[in-house]
Amino acid sequence: MEFESLQGDPQFRSWLEQFIEDRVRDELNRDMDRRARDAFSLVSVRPDDQLANSMARILGKPLVPVE
């Protein structure tokens, strides 16, 4: 089957659009997961740790106190 004959086929165009949308959606989901993992991390630090405070300040992330 030649590609030129498929270009006018509405079923083929619909399938192709769905295929592309699925691929883009999968890649966006992977990117969101990757960003979420990069944005959140739990690291145990000593109270009043100057290095941890500096890193949090530079990254613009708050340190969350743990009881």
Protein backbone atom coordinates (compact mmCIF):
# COMPACT_ATOMS: atom_id res chain seq x y z
CA MET A 1 0.00 0.00 0.00
CA GLU A 2 1.47 3.33 -1.04
CA PHE A 3 1.61 6.22 1.38
CA GLU A 4 0.10 8.64 -1.15
CA SER A 5 -3.06 6.55 -1.32
CA LEU A 6 -3.41 6.69 2.48
CA GLN A 7 -3.15 10.48 2.75
CA GLY A 8 -6.77 11.00 1.74
CA ASP A 9 -8.09 8.10 3.84
CA PRO A 10 -10.02 9.52 6.84
CA GLN A 11 -9.50 6.35 8.90
CA PHE A 12 -5.75 6.49 8.37
CA ARG A 13 -5.62 10.18 9.26
CA SER A 14 -7.67 9.53 12.40
CA TRP A 15 -5.40 6.64 13.39
CA LEU A 16 -2.28 8.72 12.72
CA GLU A 17 -3.59 11.66 14.78
CA GLN A 18 -4.44 9.33 17.67
CA PHE A 19 -1.02 7.66 17.43
CA ILE A 20 0.76 11.03 17.59
CA GLU A 21 -1.43 12.26 20.46
CA ASP A 22 -0.69 9.08 22.44
CA ARG A 23 3.06 9.44 21.88
CA VAL A 24 3.04 13.11 22.89
CA ARG A 25 0.91 12.35 25.98
CA ASP A 26 3.31 9.56 27.02
CA GLU A 27 6.33 11.83 26.64
CA LEU A 28 4.64 14.65 28.58
CA ASN A 29 3.78 12.22 31.39
CA ARG A 30 7.39 11.00 31.53
CA ASP A 31 8.60 14.61 31.60
CA MET A 32 6.17 15.52 34.42
CA ASP A 33 7.30 12.49 36.44
CA ARG A 34 10.94 13.43 35.90
CA ARG A 35 10.30 17.02 36.96
CA ALA A 36 8.40 15.88 40.05
CA ARG A 37 11.28 13.66 41.11
CA ASP A 38 13.74 16.50 40.56
CA ALA A 39 11.60 19.03 42.42
CA PHE A 40 10.97 17.03 45.57
CA SER A 41 13.48 15.21 47.67
CA LEU A 42 13.60 14.20 51.28
CA VAL A 43 16.97 14.52 52.94
CA SER A 44 17.45 14.23 56.65
CA VAL A 45 19.63 17.02 58.07
CA ARG A 46 20.67 18.12 61.52
CA PRO A 47 18.75 20.99 63.11
CA ASP A 48 20.27 24.37 62.20
CA ASP A 49 22.54 22.82 59.56
CA GLN A 50 24.09 25.81 57.79
CA LEU A 51 24.84 23.89 54.60
CA ALA A 52 21.26 22.62 54.34
CA ASN A 53 19.90 26.10 55.04
CA SER A 54 22.14 27.60 52.35
CA MET A 55 21.16 24.97 49.79
CA ALA A 56 17.47 25.43 50.53
CA ARG A 57 17.79 29.21 50.24
CA ILE A 58 19.67 28.98 46.92
CA LEU A 59 17.15 26.51 45.50
CA GLY A 60 14.23 28.52 46.83
CA LYS A 61 12.87 25.51 48.70
CA PRO A 62 11.89 25.51 52.37
CA LEU A 63 13.24 23.03 54.86
CA VAL A 64 10.41 21.15 56.52
CA PRO A 65 10.91 20.51 60.23
CA VAL A 66 10.33 16.94 61.36
CA GLU A 67 9.23 16.14 64.86
